PDB file of all heavy atoms in Angstrom:
ATOM      1  N   LYS A   1       0.844  -1.189   0.000  1.00  0.00           N
ATOM      2  CA  LYS A   1       0.000   0.000   0.000  1.00  0.00           C
ATOM      3  C   LYS A   1       0.879   1.239   0.000  1.00  0.00           C
ATOM      4  O   LYS A   1       1.893   1.290   0.695  1.00  0.00           O
ATOM      5  CB  LYS A   1      -0.900  -0.002   1.239  1.00  0.00           C
ATOM      6  CG  LYS A   1      -1.883   1.115   1.276  1.00  0.00           C
ATOM      7  CD  LYS A   1      -2.801   1.019   2.480  1.00  0.00           C
ATOM      8  CE  LYS A   1      -3.772   2.183   2.451  1.00  0.00           C
ATOM      9  NZ  LYS A   1      -4.640   2.229   3.592  1.00  0.00           N
ATOM     10  N   LEU A   2       0.476   2.225  -0.795  1.00  0.00           N
ATOM     11  CA  LEU A   2       1.152   3.515  -0.780  1.00  0.00           C
ATOM     12  C   LEU A   2       0.379   4.445   0.149  1.00  0.00           C
ATOM     13  O   LEU A   2      -0.845   4.393   0.196  1.00  0.00           O
ATOM     14  CB  LEU A   2       1.191   4.123  -2.183  1.00  0.00           C
ATOM     15  CG  LEU A   2       2.090   3.446  -3.194  1.00  0.00           C
ATOM     16  CD1 LEU A   2       1.937   4.117  -4.553  1.00  0.00           C
ATOM     17  CD2 LEU A   2       3.539   3.529  -2.760  1.00  0.00           C
ATOM     18  N   PRO A   3       1.078   5.333   0.824  1.00  0.00           N
ATOM     19  CA  PRO A   3       0.366   6.254   1.710  1.00  0.00           C
ATOM     20  C   PRO A   3      -0.349   7.346   0.914  1.00  0.00           C
ATOM     21  O   PRO A   3       0.086   7.728  -0.173  1.00  0.00           O
ATOM     22  CB  PRO A   3       1.495   6.851   2.559  1.00  0.00           C
ATOM     23  CG  PRO A   3       2.683   6.819   1.657  1.00  0.00           C
ATOM     24  CD  PRO A   3       2.524   5.556   0.844  1.00  0.00           C
ATOM     25  N   ASP A   4      -1.435   7.844   1.466  1.00  0.00           N
ATOM     26  CA  ASP A   4      -2.142   8.954   0.831  1.00  0.00           C
ATOM     27  C   ASP A   4      -1.261  10.192   0.752  1.00  0.00           C
ATOM     28  O   ASP A   4      -1.452  11.039  -0.121  1.00  0.00           O
ATOM     29  CB  ASP A   4      -3.416   9.285   1.605  1.00  0.00           C
ATOM     30  CG  ASP A   4      -4.486   8.227   1.402  1.00  0.00           C
ATOM     31  OD1 ASP A   4      -4.439   7.519   0.368  1.00  0.00           O
ATOM     32  OD2 ASP A   4      -5.367   8.103   2.273  1.00  0.00           O
ATOM     33  N   SER A   5      -0.286  10.281   1.631  1.00  0.00           N
ATOM     34  CA  SER A   5       0.599  11.450   1.660  1.00  0.00           C
ATOM     35  C   SER A   5       1.475  11.568   0.420  1.00  0.00           C
ATOM     36  O   SER A   5       2.167  12.569   0.250  1.00  0.00           O
ATOM     37  CB  SER A   5       1.469  11.422   2.917  1.00  0.00           C
ATOM     38  OG  SER A   5       2.316  10.284   2.903  1.00  0.00           O
ATOM     39  N   ILE A   6       1.432  10.567  -0.457  1.00  0.00           N
ATOM     40  CA  ILE A   6       2.201  10.669  -1.703  1.00  0.00           C
ATOM     41  C   ILE A   6       1.755  11.892  -2.497  1.00  0.00           C
ATOM     42  O   ILE A   6       2.504  12.467  -3.269  1.00  0.00           O
ATOM     43  CB  ILE A   6       2.116   9.372  -2.531  1.00  0.00           C
ATOM     44  CG1 ILE A   6       3.236   9.349  -3.570  1.00  0.00           C
ATOM     45  CG2 ILE A   6       0.745   9.203  -3.174  1.00  0.00           C
ATOM     46  CD1 ILE A   6       3.568   8.005  -4.105  1.00  0.00           C
ATOM     47  N   SER A   7       0.529  12.331  -2.262  1.00  0.00           N
ATOM     48  CA  SER A   7       0.002  13.505  -2.958  1.00  0.00           C
ATOM     49  C   SER A   7       0.736  14.787  -2.583  1.00  0.00           C
ATOM     50  O   SER A   7       0.646  15.789  -3.284  1.00  0.00           O
ATOM     51  CB  SER A   7      -1.488  13.676  -2.663  1.00  0.00           C
ATOM     52  OG  SER A   7      -1.672  13.936  -1.286  1.00  0.00           O
ATOM     53  N   ASP A   8       1.486  14.773  -1.483  1.00  0.00           N
ATOM     54  CA  ASP A   8       2.242  15.952  -1.065  1.00  0.00           C
ATOM     55  C   ASP A   8       3.487  16.181  -1.917  1.00  0.00           C
ATOM     56  O   ASP A   8       4.112  17.235  -1.822  1.00  0.00           O
ATOM     57  CB  ASP A   8       2.659  15.832   0.403  1.00  0.00           C
ATOM     58  CG  ASP A   8       1.475  15.836   1.344  1.00  0.00           C
ATOM     59  OD1 ASP A   8       0.414  16.392   0.973  1.00  0.00           O
ATOM     60  OD2 ASP A   8       1.598  15.282   2.450  1.00  0.00           O
ATOM     61  N   LEU A   9       3.835  15.213  -2.737  1.00  0.00           N
ATOM     62  CA  LEU A   9       5.035  15.323  -3.575  1.00  0.00           C
ATOM     63  C   LEU A   9       4.673  16.026  -4.888  1.00  0.00           C
ATOM     64  O   LEU A   9       4.718  15.444  -5.971  1.00  0.00           O
ATOM     65  CB  LEU A   9       5.624  13.937  -3.836  1.00  0.00           C
ATOM     66  CG  LEU A   9       5.990  13.146  -2.587  1.00  0.00           C
ATOM     67  CD1 LEU A   9       6.466  11.747  -2.954  1.00  0.00           C
ATOM     68  CD2 LEU A   9       7.050  13.876  -1.774  1.00  0.00           C
ATOM     69  N   LYS A  10       4.327  17.288  -4.787  1.00  0.00           N
ATOM     70  CA  LYS A  10       3.807  18.067  -5.921  1.00  0.00           C
ATOM     71  C   LYS A  10       4.800  18.211  -7.073  1.00  0.00           C
ATOM     72  O   LYS A  10       4.409  18.456  -8.196  1.00  0.00           O
ATOM     73  CB  LYS A  10       3.366  19.452  -5.462  1.00  0.00           C
ATOM     74  CG  LYS A  10       2.267  19.433  -4.433  1.00  0.00           C
ATOM     75  CD  LYS A  10       0.987  18.899  -5.022  1.00  0.00           C
ATOM     76  CE  LYS A  10      -0.119  18.954  -3.986  1.00  0.00           C
ATOM     77  NZ  LYS A  10      -1.257  18.163  -4.325  1.00  0.00           N
ATOM     78  N   HIS A  11       6.082  18.076  -6.806  1.00  0.00           N
ATOM     79  CA  HIS A  11       7.102  18.243  -7.843  1.00  0.00           C
ATOM     80  C   HIS A  11       7.497  16.927  -8.506  1.00  0.00           C
ATOM     81  O   HIS A  11       8.338  16.916  -9.402  1.00  0.00           O
ATOM     82  CB  HIS A  11       8.344  18.914  -7.252  1.00  0.00           C
ATOM     83  CG  HIS A  11       8.064  20.270  -6.700  1.00  0.00           C
ATOM     84  ND1 HIS A  11       7.900  21.373  -7.497  1.00  0.00           N
ATOM     85  CD2 HIS A  11       7.891  20.690  -5.426  1.00  0.00           C
ATOM     86  CE1 HIS A  11       7.653  22.423  -6.744  1.00  0.00           C
ATOM     87  NE2 HIS A  11       7.630  22.033  -5.476  1.00  0.00           N
ATOM     88  N   LEU A  12       6.904  15.834  -8.059  1.00  0.00           N
ATOM     89  CA  LEU A  12       7.271  14.508  -8.561  1.00  0.00           C
ATOM     90  C   LEU A  12       7.015  14.405 -10.055  1.00  0.00           C
ATOM     91  O   LEU A  12       5.931  14.729 -10.542  1.00  0.00           O
ATOM     92  CB  LEU A  12       6.486  13.429  -7.810  1.00  0.00           C
ATOM     93  CG  LEU A  12       7.036  12.014  -7.912  1.00  0.00           C
ATOM     94  CD1 LEU A  12       8.407  11.917  -7.256  1.00  0.00           C
ATOM     95  CD2 LEU A  12       6.080  11.033  -7.253  1.00  0.00           C
ATOM     96  N   ARG A  13       8.047  13.962 -10.799  1.00  0.00           N
ATOM     97  CA  ARG A  13       7.937  13.803 -12.251  1.00  0.00           C
ATOM     98  C   ARG A  13       7.956  12.330 -12.670  1.00  0.00           C
ATOM     99  O   ARG A  13       7.425  11.970 -13.689  1.00  0.00           O
ATOM    100  CB  ARG A  13       9.109  14.494 -12.955  1.00  0.00           C
ATOM    101  CG  ARG A  13       9.298  15.952 -12.650  1.00  0.00           C
ATOM    102  CD  ARG A  13       8.292  16.809 -13.403  1.00  0.00           C
ATOM    103  NE  ARG A  13       8.641  18.207 -13.445  1.00  0.00           N
ATOM    104  CZ  ARG A  13       8.365  19.088 -12.499  1.00  0.00           C
ATOM    105  NH1 ARG A  13       7.778  18.702 -11.400  1.00  0.00           N
ATOM    106  NH2 ARG A  13       8.692  20.348 -12.627  1.00  0.00           N
ATOM    107  N   TYR A  14       8.605  11.484 -11.866  1.00  0.00           N
ATOM    108  CA  TYR A  14       8.875  10.091 -12.243  1.00  0.00           C
ATOM    109  C   TYR A  14       8.558   9.198 -11.049  1.00  0.00           C
ATOM    110  O   TYR A  14       9.147   9.362  -9.985  1.00  0.00           O
ATOM    111  CB  TYR A  14      10.353   9.979 -12.641  1.00  0.00           C
ATOM    112  CG  TYR A  14      10.795   8.631 -13.132  1.00  0.00           C
ATOM    113  CD1 TYR A  14      10.850   8.355 -14.495  1.00  0.00           C
ATOM    114  CD2 TYR A  14      11.196   7.642 -12.246  1.00  0.00           C
ATOM    115  CE1 TYR A  14      11.294   7.121 -14.940  1.00  0.00           C
ATOM    116  CE2 TYR A  14      11.631   6.405 -12.695  1.00  0.00           C
ATOM    117  CZ  TYR A  14      11.680   6.156 -14.041  1.00  0.00           C
ATOM    118  OH  TYR A  14      12.111   4.945 -14.489  1.00  0.00           O
ATOM    119  N   LEU A  15       7.635   8.270 -11.246  1.00  0.00           N
ATOM    120  CA  LEU A  15       7.238   7.357 -10.172  1.00  0.00           C
ATOM    121  C   LEU A  15       7.356   5.922 -10.666  1.00  0.00           C
ATOM    122  O   LEU A  15       6.645   5.516 -11.584  1.00  0.00           O
ATOM    123  CB  LEU A  15       5.799   7.654  -9.730  1.00  0.00           C
ATOM    124  CG  LEU A  15       5.220   6.802  -8.613  1.00  0.00           C
ATOM    125  CD1 LEU A  15       6.048   6.918  -7.334  1.00  0.00           C
ATOM    126  CD2 LEU A  15       3.776   7.200  -8.344  1.00  0.00           C
ATOM    127  N   ASP A  16       8.261   5.162 -10.067  1.00  0.00           N
ATOM    128  CA  ASP A  16       8.504   3.771 -10.444  1.00  0.00           C
ATOM    129  C   ASP A  16       7.979   2.858  -9.346  1.00  0.00           C
ATOM    130  O   ASP A  16       8.517   2.816  -8.245  1.00  0.00           O
ATOM    131  CB  ASP A  16      10.002   3.545 -10.659  1.00  0.00           C
ATOM    132  CG  ASP A  16      10.340   2.135 -11.113  1.00  0.00           C
ATOM    133  OD1 ASP A  16       9.437   1.266 -11.148  1.00  0.00           O
ATOM    134  OD2 ASP A  16      11.524   1.899 -11.416  1.00  0.00           O
ATOM    135  N   LEU A  17       6.906   2.146  -9.661  1.00  0.00           N
ATOM    136  CA  LEU A  17       6.301   1.205  -8.719  1.00  0.00           C
ATOM    137  C   LEU A  17       6.358  -0.227  -9.260  1.00  0.00           C
ATOM    138  O   LEU A  17       5.567  -1.075  -8.855  1.00  0.00           O
ATOM    139  CB  LEU A  17       4.843   1.612  -8.450  1.00  0.00           C
ATOM    140  CG  LEU A  17       4.640   3.021  -7.905  1.00  0.00           C
ATOM    141  CD1 LEU A  17       3.162   3.358  -7.839  1.00  0.00           C
ATOM    142  CD2 LEU A  17       5.296   3.163  -6.546  1.00  0.00           C
ATOM    143  N   CYS A  18       7.274  -0.484 -10.169  1.00  0.00           N
ATOM    144  CA  CYS A  18       7.372  -1.797 -10.812  1.00  0.00           C
ATOM    145  C   CYS A  18       7.587  -2.908  -9.791  1.00  0.00           C
ATOM    146  O   CYS A  18       8.390  -2.773  -8.859  1.00  0.00           O
ATOM    147  CB  CYS A  18       8.534  -1.816 -11.805  1.00  0.00           C
ATOM    148  SG  CYS A  18       8.270  -0.784 -13.249  1.00  0.00           S
ATOM    149  N   HIS A  19       6.851  -3.984 -10.001  1.00  0.00           N
ATOM    150  CA  HIS A  19       7.011  -5.221  -9.233  1.00  0.00           C
ATOM    151  C   HIS A  19       6.809  -5.046  -7.726  1.00  0.00           C
ATOM    152  O   HIS A  19       7.547  -5.630  -6.929  1.00  0.00           O
ATOM    153  CB  HIS A  19       8.373  -5.852  -9.517  1.00  0.00           C
ATOM    154  CG  HIS A  19       8.584  -6.128 -10.966  1.00  0.00           C
ATOM    155  ND1 HIS A  19       8.025  -7.198 -11.611  1.00  0.00           N
ATOM    156  CD2 HIS A  19       9.278  -5.443 -11.914  1.00  0.00           C
ATOM    157  CE1 HIS A  19       8.367  -7.170 -12.888  1.00  0.00           C
ATOM    158  NE2 HIS A  19       9.126  -6.117 -13.102  1.00  0.00           N
ATOM    159  N   ILE A  20       5.822  -4.234  -7.344  1.00  0.00           N
ATOM    160  CA  ILE A  20       5.460  -4.178  -5.932  1.00  0.00           C
ATOM    161  C   ILE A  20       4.077  -4.809  -5.784  1.00  0.00           C
ATOM    162  O   ILE A  20       3.403  -5.075  -6.776  1.00  0.00           O
ATOM    163  CB  ILE A  20       5.506  -2.742  -5.347  1.00  0.00           C
ATOM    164  CG1 ILE A  20       4.472  -1.840  -5.998  1.00  0.00           C
ATOM    165  CG2 ILE A  20       6.899  -2.151  -5.470  1.00  0.00           C
ATOM    166  CD1 ILE A  20       4.339  -0.486  -5.314  1.00  0.00           C
ATOM    167  N   ASN A  21       3.643  -5.061  -4.582  1.00  0.00           N
ATOM    168  CA  ASN A  21       2.436  -5.851  -4.332  1.00  0.00           C
ATOM    169  C   ASN A  21       1.184  -5.024  -4.046  1.00  0.00           C
ATOM    170  O   ASN A  21       0.337  -5.450  -3.282  1.00  0.00           O
ATOM    171  CB  ASN A  21       2.689  -6.811  -3.162  1.00  0.00           C
ATOM    172  CG  ASN A  21       3.784  -7.797  -3.485  1.00  0.00           C
ATOM    173  OD1 ASN A  21       3.967  -8.185  -4.626  1.00  0.00           O
ATOM    174  ND2 ASN A  21       4.529  -8.197  -2.473  1.00  0.00           N
ATOM    175  N   ILE A  22       1.054  -3.867  -4.656  1.00  0.00           N
ATOM    176  CA  ILE A  22      -0.127  -3.043  -4.404  1.00  0.00           C
ATOM    177  C   ILE A  22      -1.343  -3.616  -5.129  1.00  0.00           C
ATOM    178  O   ILE A  22      -1.225  -4.226  -6.185  1.00  0.00           O
ATOM    179  CB  ILE A  22       0.083  -1.576  -4.816  1.00  0.00           C
ATOM    180  CG1 ILE A  22       0.505  -1.461  -6.287  1.00  0.00           C
ATOM    181  CG2 ILE A  22       1.067  -0.891  -3.911  1.00  0.00           C
ATOM    182  CD1 ILE A  22       0.561  -0.056  -6.800  1.00  0.00           C
ATOM    183  N   ILE A  23      -2.512  -3.405  -4.547  1.00  0.00           N
ATOM    184  CA  ILE A  23      -3.772  -3.846  -5.155  1.00  0.00           C
ATOM    185  C   ILE A  23      -4.447  -2.675  -5.844  1.00  0.00           C
ATOM    186  O   ILE A  23      -5.020  -2.816  -6.920  1.00  0.00           O
ATOM    187  CB  ILE A  23      -4.698  -4.467  -4.084  1.00  0.00           C
ATOM    188  CG1 ILE A  23      -4.031  -5.721  -3.526  1.00  0.00           C
ATOM    189  CG2 ILE A  23      -6.074  -4.779  -4.654  1.00  0.00           C
ATOM    190  CD1 ILE A  23      -4.723  -6.304  -2.318  1.00  0.00           C
ATOM    191  N   THR A  24      -4.364  -1.496  -5.237  1.00  0.00           N
ATOM    192  CA  THR A  24      -4.880  -0.264  -5.844  1.00  0.00           C
ATOM    193  C   THR A  24      -3.903   0.863  -5.564  1.00  0.00           C
ATOM    194  O   THR A  24      -3.132   0.809  -4.606  1.00  0.00           O
ATOM    195  CB  THR A  24      -6.261   0.139  -5.265  1.00  0.00           C
ATOM    196  OG1 THR A  24      -6.115   0.385  -3.873  1.00  0.00           O
ATOM    197  CG2 THR A  24      -7.308  -0.917  -5.498  1.00  0.00           C
ATOM    198  N   LEU A  25      -3.963   1.865  -6.407  1.00  0.00           N
ATOM    199  CA  LEU A  25      -3.222   3.089  -6.145  1.00  0.00           C
ATOM    200  C   LEU A  25      -4.134   4.014  -5.358  1.00  0.00           C
ATOM    201  O   LEU A  25      -5.328   4.071  -5.639  1.00  0.00           O
ATOM    202  CB  LEU A  25      -2.830   3.772  -7.455  1.00  0.00           C
ATOM    203  CG  LEU A  25      -1.758   3.099  -8.288  1.00  0.00           C
ATOM    204  CD1 LEU A  25      -1.622   3.801  -9.636  1.00  0.00           C
ATOM    205  CD2 LEU A  25      -0.432   3.134  -7.562  1.00  0.00           C
ATOM    206  N   PRO A  26      -3.607   4.764  -4.412  1.00  0.00           N
ATOM    207  CA  PRO A  26      -4.475   5.681  -3.684  1.00  0.00           C
ATOM    208  C   PRO A  26      -5.047   6.742  -4.624  1.00  0.00           C
ATOM    209  O   PRO A  26      -4.380   7.167  -5.572  1.00  0.00           O
ATOM    210  CB  PRO A  26      -3.559   6.315  -2.640  1.00  0.00           C
ATOM    211  CG  PRO A  26      -2.189   5.851  -2.915  1.00  0.00           C
ATOM    212  CD  PRO A  26      -2.225   4.805  -3.964  1.00  0.00           C
ATOM    213  N   GLU A  27      -6.283   7.150  -4.383  1.00  0.00           N
ATOM    214  CA  GLU A  27      -6.903   8.210  -5.188  1.00  0.00           C
ATOM    215  C   GLU A  27      -6.059   9.474  -5.161  1.00  0.00           C
ATOM    216  O   GLU A  27      -6.039  10.232  -6.132  1.00  0.00           O
ATOM    217  CB  GLU A  27      -8.318   8.503  -4.686  1.00  0.00           C
ATOM    218  CG  GLU A  27      -9.334   7.453  -5.050  1.00  0.00           C
ATOM    219  CD  GLU A  27      -9.625   7.339  -6.541  1.00  0.00           C
ATOM    220  OE1 GLU A  27      -9.573   8.358  -7.270  1.00  0.00           O
ATOM    221  OE2 GLU A  27      -9.907   6.219  -6.988  1.00  0.00           O
ATOM    222  N   THR A  28      -5.340   9.698  -4.071  1.00  0.00           N
ATOM    223  CA  THR A  28      -4.519  10.910  -3.955  1.00  0.00           C
ATOM    224  C   THR A  28      -3.377  10.942  -4.972  1.00  0.00           C
ATOM    225  O   THR A  28      -2.818  12.003  -5.228  1.00  0.00           O
ATOM    226  CB  THR A  28      -3.942  11.037  -2.534  1.00  0.00           C
ATOM    227  OG1 THR A  28      -3.178   9.871  -2.231  1.00  0.00           O
ATOM    228  CG2 THR A  28      -5.042  11.219  -1.505  1.00  0.00           C
ATOM    229  N   THR A  29      -3.054   9.805  -5.559  1.00  0.00           N
ATOM    230  CA  THR A  29      -2.014   9.755  -6.588  1.00  0.00           C
ATOM    231  C   THR A  29      -2.368  10.677  -7.752  1.00  0.00           C
ATOM    232  O   THR A  29      -1.491  11.234  -8.398  1.00  0.00           O
ATOM    233  CB  THR A  29      -1.852   8.309  -7.114  1.00  0.00           C
ATOM    234  OG1 THR A  29      -1.637   7.448  -6.014  1.00  0.00           O
ATOM    235  CG2 THR A  29      -0.678   8.189  -8.057  1.00  0.00           C
ATOM    236  N   THR A  30      -3.646  10.857  -7.993  1.00  0.00           N
ATOM    237  CA  THR A  30      -4.069  11.663  -9.143  1.00  0.00           C
ATOM    238  C   THR A  30      -3.875  13.155  -8.929  1.00  0.00           C
ATOM    239  O   THR A  30      -4.098  13.938  -9.852  1.00  0.00           O
ATOM    240  CB  THR A  30      -5.537  11.389  -9.511  1.00  0.00           C
ATOM    241  OG1 THR A  30      -6.367  11.748  -8.417  1.00  0.00           O
ATOM    242  CG2 THR A  30      -5.735   9.926  -9.868  1.00  0.00           C
ATOM    243  N   SER A  31      -3.435  13.563  -7.761  1.00  0.00           N
ATOM    244  CA  SER A  31      -3.143  14.983  -7.550  1.00  0.00           C
ATOM    245  C   SER A  31      -1.687  15.317  -7.891  1.00  0.00           C
ATOM    246  O   SER A  31      -1.258  16.454  -7.737  1.00  0.00           O
ATOM    247  CB  SER A  31      -3.461  15.390  -6.118  1.00  0.00           C
ATOM    248  OG  SER A  31      -2.588  14.754  -5.226  1.00  0.00           O
ATOM    249  N   LEU A  32      -0.946  14.331  -8.391  1.00  0.00           N
ATOM    250  CA  LEU A  32       0.441  14.560  -8.812  1.00  0.00           C
ATOM    251  C   LEU A  32       0.432  15.152 -10.218  1.00  0.00           C
ATOM    252  O   LEU A  32       0.806  14.504 -11.201  1.00  0.00           O
ATOM    253  CB  LEU A  32       1.233  13.251  -8.774  1.00  0.00           C
ATOM    254  CG  LEU A  32       1.366  12.602  -7.400  1.00  0.00           C
ATOM    255  CD1 LEU A  32       1.985  11.211  -7.527  1.00  0.00           C
ATOM    256  CD2 LEU A  32       2.184  13.476  -6.470  1.00  0.00           C
ATOM    257  N   CYS A  33       0.015  16.408 -10.323  1.00  0.00           N
ATOM    258  CA  CYS A  33      -0.244  17.018 -11.630  1.00  0.00           C
ATOM    259  C   CYS A  33       1.022  17.229 -12.463  1.00  0.00           C
ATOM    260  O   CYS A  33       0.932  17.442 -13.667  1.00  0.00           O
ATOM    261  CB  CYS A  33      -1.011  18.315 -11.475  1.00  0.00           C
ATOM    262  SG  CYS A  33      -0.178  19.531 -10.458  1.00  0.00           S
ATOM    263  N   ASN A  34       2.206  17.156 -11.870  1.00  0.00           N
ATOM    264  CA  ASN A  34       3.453  17.301 -12.626  1.00  0.00           C
ATOM    265  C   ASN A  34       4.051  15.964 -13.039  1.00  0.00           C
ATOM    266  O   ASN A  34       5.081  15.929 -13.710  1.00  0.00           O
ATOM    267  CB  ASN A  34       4.477  18.091 -11.815  1.00  0.00           C
ATOM    268  CG  ASN A  34       4.080  19.539 -11.672  1.00  0.00           C
ATOM    269  OD1 ASN A  34       3.765  20.197 -12.652  1.00  0.00           O
ATOM    270  ND2 ASN A  34       4.055  20.025 -10.446  1.00  0.00           N
TER     271      ASN A  34
END
């Protein structure tokens, strides 16, 4: 599971989640507008 706080990373350009065991991405991921 990823924390909802991932949305605080407003400057994030590149997110690599390859080969991890998540079932869903948090809805807050969609606020990473950059």
